[in-house]
C-alpha atoms as a PDB file:
ATOM      1  CA  ALA A   1      18.091  10.663   2.943  1.00  0.00           C
ATOM      2  CA  LEU A   2      14.414  11.473   3.333  1.00  0.00           C
ATOM      3  CA  VAL A   3      14.583  14.932   1.869  1.00  0.00           C
ATOM      4  CA  PRO A   4      12.871  15.281  -1.603  1.00  0.00           C
ATOM      5  CA  GLU A   5      15.575  15.605  -4.395  1.00  0.00           C
ATOM      6  CA  ALA A   6      13.841  18.759  -5.476  1.00  0.00           C
ATOM      7  CA  ILE A   7      14.906  20.716  -2.498  1.00  0.00           C
ATOM      8  CA  VAL A   8      17.857  18.723  -0.952  1.00  0.00           C
ATOM      9  CA  ARG A   9      20.590  21.091  -2.379  1.00  0.00           C
ATOM     10  CA  ALA A  10      18.856  24.236  -1.300  1.00  0.00           C
ATOM     11  CA  THR A  11      17.964  22.936   2.246  1.00  0.00           C
ATOM     12  CA  ARG A  12      19.845  23.960   5.368  1.00  0.00           C
ATOM     13  CA  PHE A  13      19.169  22.142   8.655  1.00  0.00           C
ATOM     14  CA  THR A  14      19.159  23.278  12.148  1.00  0.00           C
ATOM     15  CA  GLY A  15      18.778  20.664  14.970  1.00  0.00           C
ATOM     16  CA  ILE A  16      17.935  21.443  18.481  1.00  0.00           C
ATOM     17  CA  GLU A  17      18.814  19.046  21.286  1.00  0.00           C
ATOM     18  CA  ALA A  18      18.033  19.587  24.944  1.00  0.00           C
ATOM     19  CA  GLU A  19      20.582  17.259  26.235  1.00  0.00           C
ATOM     20  CA  GLY A  20      24.269  18.101  25.768  1.00  0.00           C
ATOM     21  CA  ILE A  21      25.610  14.702  24.856  1.00  0.00           C
ATOM     22  CA  SER A  22      23.024  14.260  22.229  1.00  0.00           C
ATOM     23  CA  ALA A  23      23.946  17.581  20.822  1.00  0.00           C
ATOM     24  CA  ARG A  24      27.483  16.537  20.512  1.00  0.00           C
ATOM     25  CA  ILE A  25      26.702  13.191  18.836  1.00  0.00           C
ATOM     26  CA  ALA A  26      24.290  15.003  16.485  1.00  0.00           C
ATOM     27  CA  ARG A  27      27.126  17.480  15.498  1.00  0.00           C
ATOM     28  CA  LEU A  28      29.348  14.466  14.581  1.00  0.00           C
ATOM     29  CA  LEU A  29      26.630  12.649  12.707  1.00  0.00           C
ATOM     30  CA  PHE A  30      25.414  15.836  10.728  1.00  0.00           C
ATOM     31  CA  PRO A  31      28.510  17.990  10.239  1.00  0.00           C
ATOM     32  CA  ASP A  32      26.731  20.166   7.558  1.00  0.00           C
ATOM     33  CA  ALA A  33      23.773  20.952  10.008  1.00  0.00           C
ATOM     34  CA  ARG A  34      23.637  23.575  12.681  1.00  0.00           C
ATOM     35  CA  ILE A  35      23.097  21.785  15.956  1.00  0.00           C
ATOM     36  CA  ARG A  36      21.746  23.952  18.859  1.00  0.00           C
ATOM     37  CA  HIS A  37      21.961  22.779  22.533  1.00  0.00           C
ATOM     38  CA  GLU A  38      18.871  24.201  24.107  1.00  0.00           C
ATOM     39  CA  ASP A  39      15.244  23.488  25.011  1.00  0.00           C
ATOM     40  CA  PHE A  40      13.204  23.463  21.944  1.00  0.00           C
ATOM     41  CA  THR A  41      10.113  24.751  23.804  1.00  0.00           C
ATOM     42  CA  ARG A  42      12.069  27.959  24.551  1.00  0.00           C
ATOM     43  CA  ALA A  43      14.108  28.248  21.454  1.00  0.00           C
ATOM     44  CA  ALA A  44      13.463  31.195  19.176  1.00  0.00           C
ATOM     45  CA  MET A  45      12.166  30.339  15.805  1.00  0.00           C
ATOM     46  CA  PRO A  46      12.581  33.614  13.685  1.00  0.00           C
ATOM     47  CA  ALA A  47      10.890  34.108  10.277  1.00  0.00           C
ATOM     48  CA  GLY A  48      13.935  32.882   8.388  1.00  0.00           C
ATOM     49  CA  PHE A  49      13.118  29.375   9.336  1.00  0.00           C
ATOM     50  CA  ASP A  50      11.064  27.600   6.750  1.00  0.00           C
ATOM     51  CA  LEU A  51       9.989  24.619   8.821  1.00  0.00           C
ATOM     52  CA  ALA A  52      10.495  22.693  11.998  1.00  0.00           C
ATOM     53  CA  ILE A  53       9.554  18.954  12.257  1.00  0.00           C
ATOM     54  CA  GLY A  54       9.423  16.781  15.339  1.00  0.00           C
ATOM     55  CA  MET A  55       7.517  16.052  18.556  1.00  0.00           C
ATOM     56  CA  LEU A  56       6.797  19.650  19.123  1.00  0.00           C
ATOM     57  CA  GLN A  57       4.727  21.310  21.731  1.00  0.00           C
ATOM     58  CA  ALA A  58       5.503  24.880  20.470  1.00  0.00           C
ATOM     59  CA  ASP A  59       3.433  27.638  21.995  1.00  0.00           C
ATOM     60  CA  HIS A  60       5.139  30.685  20.425  1.00  0.00           C
ATOM     61  CA  GLN A  61       2.960  33.479  19.093  1.00  0.00           C
ATOM     62  CA  GLY A  62       2.944  33.644  15.424  1.00  0.00           C
ATOM     63  CA  VAL A  63       3.817  30.050  14.834  1.00  0.00           C
ATOM     64  CA  LEU A  64       1.406  27.721  12.900  1.00  0.00           C
ATOM     65  CA  GLY A  65       1.447  23.985  13.004  1.00  0.00           C
ATOM     66  CA  GLU A  66       0.099  20.911  11.229  1.00  0.00           C
ATOM     67  CA  LEU A  67       0.003  17.170  12.294  1.00  0.00           C
ATOM     68  CA  LEU A  68       2.172  15.095   9.976  1.00  0.00           C
ATOM     69  CA  PHE A  69       1.448  11.834  11.434  1.00  0.00           C
ATOM     70  CA  ARG A  70       0.702  10.018  14.743  1.00  0.00           C
ATOM     71  CA  GLU A  71       3.197   7.355  15.777  1.00  0.00           C
ATOM     72  CA  HIS A  72       2.505   4.645  18.255  1.00  0.00           C
ATOM     73  CA  TYR A  73       4.851   2.967  20.812  1.00  0.00           C
ATOM     74  CA  VAL A  74       4.893  -0.802  20.831  1.00  0.00           C
ATOM     75  CA  ALA A  75       6.825  -3.521  22.644  1.00  0.00           C
ATOM     76  CA  LEU A  76       9.504  -5.598  21.090  1.00  0.00           C
ATOM     77  CA  THR A  77      10.707  -8.978  22.456  1.00  0.00           C
ATOM     78  CA  ALA A  78      12.220 -12.148  21.617  1.00  0.00           C
ATOM     79  CA  ARG A  79      10.264 -14.430  19.454  1.00  0.00           C
ATOM     80  CA  ASP A  80       9.630 -17.003  22.206  1.00  0.00           C
ATOM     81  CA  TRP A  81       9.058 -14.477  25.107  1.00  0.00           C
ATOM     82  CA  GLN A  82       5.731 -14.569  26.889  1.00  0.00           C
ATOM     83  CA  PRO A  83       4.246 -12.479  29.535  1.00  0.00           C
ATOM     84  CA  ALA A  84       3.772 -13.732  33.029  1.00  0.00           C
ATOM     85  CA  THR A  85       0.040 -14.176  32.376  1.00  0.00           C
ATOM     86  CA  PRO A  86      -1.335 -15.352  29.035  1.00  0.00           C
ATOM     87  CA  ALA A  87      -1.790 -12.489  26.520  1.00  0.00           C
ATOM     88  CA  ILE A  88      -4.825 -12.014  24.274  1.00  0.00           C
ATOM     89  CA  GLY A  89      -3.534 -12.023  20.763  1.00  0.00           C
ATOM     90  CA  ARG A  90      -0.572  -9.572  20.332  1.00  0.00           C
ATOM     91  CA  ARG A  91      -1.500  -7.054  22.979  1.00  0.00           C
ATOM     92  CA  LEU A  92       0.085  -6.531  26.352  1.00  0.00           C
ATOM     93  CA  GLU A  93      -1.883  -4.934  29.165  1.00  0.00           C
ATOM     94  CA  ARG A  94      -0.497  -2.693  31.938  1.00  0.00           C
ATOM     95  CA  SER A  95      -0.539  -5.520  34.637  1.00  0.00           C
ATOM     96  CA  GLN A  96       1.709  -7.707  32.253  1.00  0.00           C
ATOM     97  CA  LEU A  97       4.134  -4.828  31.587  1.00  0.00           C
ATOM     98  CA  SER A  98       4.414  -4.248  35.286  1.00  0.00           C
ATOM     99  CA  ARG A  99       5.805  -7.750  35.759  1.00  0.00           C
ATOM    100  CA  ALA A 100       8.182  -7.489  32.721  1.00  0.00           C
ATOM    101  CA  ALA A 101      11.840  -6.308  32.570  1.00  0.00           C
ATOM    102  CA  LEU A 102      11.712  -3.167  30.415  1.00  0.00           C
ATOM    103  CA  ALA A 103      14.118  -1.535  28.204  1.00  0.00           C
ATOM    104  CA  LEU A 104      13.971   1.998  26.841  1.00  0.00           C
ATOM    105  CA  ALA A 105      15.855   3.314  23.859  1.00  0.00           C
ATOM    106  CA  ALA A 106      16.030   7.273  23.720  1.00  0.00           C
ATOM    107  CA  PRO A 107      18.832   8.750  21.622  1.00  0.00           C
ATOM    108  CA  THR A 108      17.590  12.256  22.273  1.00  0.00           C
ATOM    109  CA  ALA A 109      16.222  14.021  25.370  1.00  0.00           C
ATOM    110  CA  SER A 110      12.859  14.648  23.553  1.00  0.00           C
ATOM    111  CA  LEU A 111      12.418  10.922  22.905  1.00  0.00           C
ATOM    112  CA  LEU A 112      13.299  10.044  26.465  1.00  0.00           C
ATOM    113  CA  GLY A 113      10.706  12.425  27.764  1.00  0.00           C
ATOM    114  CA  SER A 114       8.133  10.984  25.355  1.00  0.00           C
ATOM    115  CA  VAL A 115       8.804   7.339  26.481  1.00  0.00           C
ATOM    116  CA  GLN A 116       8.620   8.444  30.039  1.00  0.00           C
ATOM    117  CA  ARG A 117       5.261  10.024  29.600  1.00  0.00           C
ATOM    118  CA  VAL A 118       4.020   6.798  28.069  1.00  0.00           C
ATOM    119  CA  LEU A 119       5.248   4.852  31.160  1.00  0.00           C
ATOM    120  CA  GLU A 120       3.452   7.353  33.438  1.00  0.00           C
ATOM    121  CA  ARG A 121       0.287   6.986  31.492  1.00  0.00           C
ATOM    122  CA  LEU A 122       0.479   3.263  32.168  1.00  0.00           C
ATOM    123  CA  ASP A 123       1.183   3.783  35.867  1.00  0.00           C
ATOM    124  CA  LEU A 124       4.721   2.447  35.272  1.00  0.00           C
ATOM    125  CA  GLY A 125       6.657   5.708  35.770  1.00  0.00           C
ATOM    126  CA  GLY A 126       8.575   4.290  38.798  1.00  0.00           C
ATOM    127  CA  ALA A 127       9.569   0.865  37.044  1.00  0.00           C
ATOM    128  CA  ASN A 128      13.096  -0.194  36.793  1.00  0.00           C
ATOM    129  CA  CYS A 129      14.217   0.038  33.231  1.00  0.00           C
ATOM    130  CA  VAL A 130      17.418  -0.635  31.273  1.00  0.00           C
ATOM    131  CA  ARG A 131      17.953   2.593  29.364  1.00  0.00           C
ATOM    132  CA  LEU A 132      19.725   2.775  26.018  1.00  0.00           C
ATOM    133  CA  ARG A 133      21.377   5.641  24.254  1.00  0.00           C
ATOM    134  CA  HIS A 134      20.905   4.192  20.672  1.00  0.00           C
ATOM    135  CA  TYR A 135      18.394   2.030  18.900  1.00  0.00           C
ATOM    136  CA  GLY A 136      20.977   0.050  17.324  1.00  0.00           C
ATOM    137  CA  ALA A 137      21.500  -2.070  20.526  1.00  0.00           C
ATOM    138  CA  VAL A 138      17.868  -2.955  20.856  1.00  0.00           C
ATOM    139  CA  PRO A 139      17.425  -5.977  18.464  1.00  0.00           C
ATOM    140  CA  GLU A 140      20.460  -8.026  19.797  1.00  0.00           C
ATOM    141  CA  LEU A 141      19.603  -7.140  23.324  1.00  0.00           C
ATOM    142  CA  VAL A 142      16.009  -8.329  23.405  1.00  0.00           C
ATOM    143  CA  ARG A 143      16.653 -11.297  21.215  1.00  0.00           C
ATOM    144  CA  GLY A 144      19.128 -12.650  23.785  1.00  0.00           C
ATOM    145  CA  THR A 145      17.283 -11.748  27.017  1.00  0.00           C
ATOM    146  CA  ASP A 146      13.738 -11.464  28.439  1.00  0.00           C
ATOM    147  CA  LEU A 147      13.751  -7.629  28.189  1.00  0.00           C
ATOM    148  CA  VAL A 148      10.742  -5.890  26.747  1.00  0.00           C
ATOM    149  CA  ALA A 149      11.726  -2.876  24.680  1.00  0.00           C
ATOM    150  CA  ILE A 150       9.361   0.043  24.238  1.00  0.00           C
ATOM    151  CA  VAL A 151      10.072   1.482  20.813  1.00  0.00           C
ATOM    152  CA  PRO A 152       8.210   3.277  18.053  1.00  0.00           C
ATOM    153  CA  GLN A 153       6.130   1.354  15.585  1.00  0.00           C
ATOM    154  CA  MET A 154       8.260   2.340  12.654  1.00  0.00           C
ATOM    155  CA  PHE A 155      11.354   1.050  14.201  1.00  0.00           C
ATOM    156  CA  ALA A 156       9.758  -2.271  15.279  1.00  0.00           C
ATOM    157  CA  ASP A 157       8.404  -2.796  11.828  1.00  0.00           C
ATOM    158  CA  ALA A 158      11.902  -2.151  10.318  1.00  0.00           C
ATOM    159  CA  VAL A 159      13.728  -4.630  12.558  1.00  0.00           C
ATOM    160  CA  ALA A 160      11.283  -7.361  13.627  1.00  0.00           C
ATOM    161  CA  ALA A 161      11.422  -9.741  10.654  1.00  0.00           C
ATOM    162  CA  ARG A 162      15.102  -9.309  10.120  1.00  0.00           C
ATOM    163  CA  HIS A 163      16.024 -10.301  13.714  1.00  0.00           C
ATOM    164  CA  ASP A 164      13.209 -12.738  14.391  1.00  0.00           C
ATOM    165  CA  LEU A 165      11.451 -10.607  17.071  1.00  0.00           C
ATOM    166  CA  ARG A 166       7.924 -10.340  18.079  1.00  0.00           C
ATOM    167  CA  VAL A 167       5.957  -6.896  18.094  1.00  0.00           C
ATOM    168  CA  TRP A 168       3.198  -6.450  20.760  1.00  0.00           C
ATOM    169  CA  GLN A 169       0.708  -3.783  20.877  1.00  0.00           C
ATOM    170  CA  LEU A 170       0.422  -1.612  23.973  1.00  0.00           C
ATOM    171  CA  PRO A 171      -2.636  -0.247  25.750  1.00  0.00           C
ATOM    172  CA  ASP A 172      -4.409   2.840  24.445  1.00  0.00           C
ATOM    173  CA  GLY A 173      -2.645   6.230  25.144  1.00  0.00           C
ATOM    174  CA  THR A 174       0.736   5.145  23.874  1.00  0.00           C
ATOM    175  CA  SER A 175       1.332   7.343  20.893  1.00  0.00           C
ATOM    176  CA  TYR A 176       2.806  10.813  19.963  1.00  0.00           C
ATOM    177  CA  ASP A 177       2.262  13.368  17.312  1.00  0.00           C
ATOM    178  CA  VAL A 178       4.913  14.492  14.842  1.00  0.00           C
ATOM    179  CA  MET A 179       4.301  18.073  13.805  1.00  0.00           C
ATOM    180  CA  MET A 180       5.379  20.488  11.159  1.00  0.00           C
ATOM    181  CA  VAL A 181       5.571  24.121  12.242  1.00  0.00           C
ATOM    182  CA  TRP A 182       6.367  27.315  10.578  1.00  0.00           C
ATOM    183  CA  HIS A 183       6.080  31.040  11.029  1.00  0.00           C
ATOM    184  CA  GLN A 184       2.749  32.616  10.107  1.00  0.00           C
ATOM    185  CA  SER A 185       4.522  35.434   8.210  1.00  0.00           C
ATOM    186  CA  VAL A 186       5.268  32.989   5.330  1.00  0.00           C
ATOM    187  CA  ASN A 187       2.007  31.032   5.523  1.00  0.00           C
ATOM    188  CA  GLY A 188       0.795  32.366   2.113  1.00  0.00           C
ATOM    189  CA  ASP A 189       4.107  32.317   0.297  1.00  0.00           C
ATOM    190  CA  PRO A 190       3.854  30.180  -2.752  1.00  0.00           C
ATOM    191  CA  ALA A 191       7.442  28.580  -2.326  1.00  0.00           C
ATOM    192  CA  GLN A 192       6.612  27.989   1.296  1.00  0.00           C
ATOM    193  CA  ARG A 193       3.336  26.277   0.380  1.00  0.00           C
ATOM    194  CA  TRP A 194       5.031  24.139  -2.103  1.00  0.00           C
ATOM    195  CA  LEU A 195       7.628  23.090   0.574  1.00  0.00           C
ATOM    196  CA  ARG A 196       4.967  22.112   3.009  1.00  0.00           C
ATOM    197  CA  GLU A 197       3.243  20.025   0.291  1.00  0.00           C
ATOM    198  CA  GLN A 198       6.438  18.168  -0.352  1.00  0.00           C
ATOM    199  CA  VAL A 199       6.840  17.371   3.380  1.00  0.00           C
ATOM    200  CA  ARG A 200       3.142  16.270   3.545  1.00  0.00           C
ATOM    201  CA  HIS A 201       3.753  13.902   0.653  1.00  0.00           C
ATOM    202  CA  LEU A 202       6.858  12.621   2.377  1.00  0.00           C
ATOM    203  CA  PHE A 203       5.371  11.815   5.703  1.00  0.00           C
ATOM    204  CA  GLY A 204       1.593  11.579   5.049  1.00  0.00           C
ATOM    205  CA  GLN A 205       1.305   8.473   3.028  1.00  0.00           C
ATOM    206  CA  GLY A 206      -0.545   5.916   5.043  1.00  0.00           C
ATOM    207  CA  ARG A 207      -0.444   8.003   8.274  1.00  0.00           C
ATOM    208  CA  ILE A 208      -2.962  10.183  10.085  1.00  0.00           C
ATOM    209  CA  ALA A 209      -2.461  13.796   8.631  1.00  0.00           C
ATOM    210  CA  ALA A 210      -4.225  17.077   8.974  1.00  0.00           C
ATOM    211  CA  ASN A 211      -4.322  19.556   6.156  1.00  0.00           C
ATOM    212  CA  GLU A 212      -5.484  22.659   7.908  1.00  0.00           C
ATOM    213  CA  PRO A 213      -2.811  24.642   9.852  1.00  0.00           C
ATOM    214  CA  VAL A 214      -3.482  25.530  13.505  1.00  0.00           C
ATOM    215  CA  ASP A 215      -2.039  28.088  15.750  1.00  0.00           C
ATOM    216  CA  CYS A 216       0.336  26.159  17.913  1.00  0.00           C
ATOM    217  CA  ALA A 217      -0.522  28.467  20.837  1.00  0.00           C
ATOM    218  CA  SER A 218      -3.934  26.679  20.965  1.00  0.00           C
ATOM    219  CA  LEU A 219      -2.356  23.179  21.208  1.00  0.00           C
ATOM    220  CA  GLY A 220      -1.026  23.453  24.605  1.00  0.00           C
END
């Protein structure tokens, strides 16, 4: 649904899922796409691929990348939920999170790893958490309990008002980058440059974007 109309009919998608169950679910949800069950960081990206988009840490030689936007994790709770110690505004500190019952939603293995890294940055890596396979269960779960769900900002913005939920900011360092990567052999191709511009327009509005490609091997 997010693909620009100008390219949707000529676009073929390949999805890569590190976790087997997620790969099987993706094949059912996207029957027209090719879903590969493998580790993205080790997956081959031949020149025939136009673009890859996601939380990428690609370090393949000959692959260029560009930051599309930086997304932040936030906490989502019932409207009347309050931390154990008074909060300053709409921000939760690590000490308050450590005393809360947490819920994590991670439909894919890559998202699970991303959320887990956020918890480790907050020294909450060993915390007991309710883990959910799908975001769809989050709104009703937190609305009827004292759970604090750690979710991406975009998801929280989409559901908070509709389900009468409260969004809390988290401490610094709880963000992740969504990248666009492509093979350097097509970097100067006019059609490929046009495609990248369409993707920038789609994702870049109102978000942190970088316009200069970088060699992904230098990002690690």
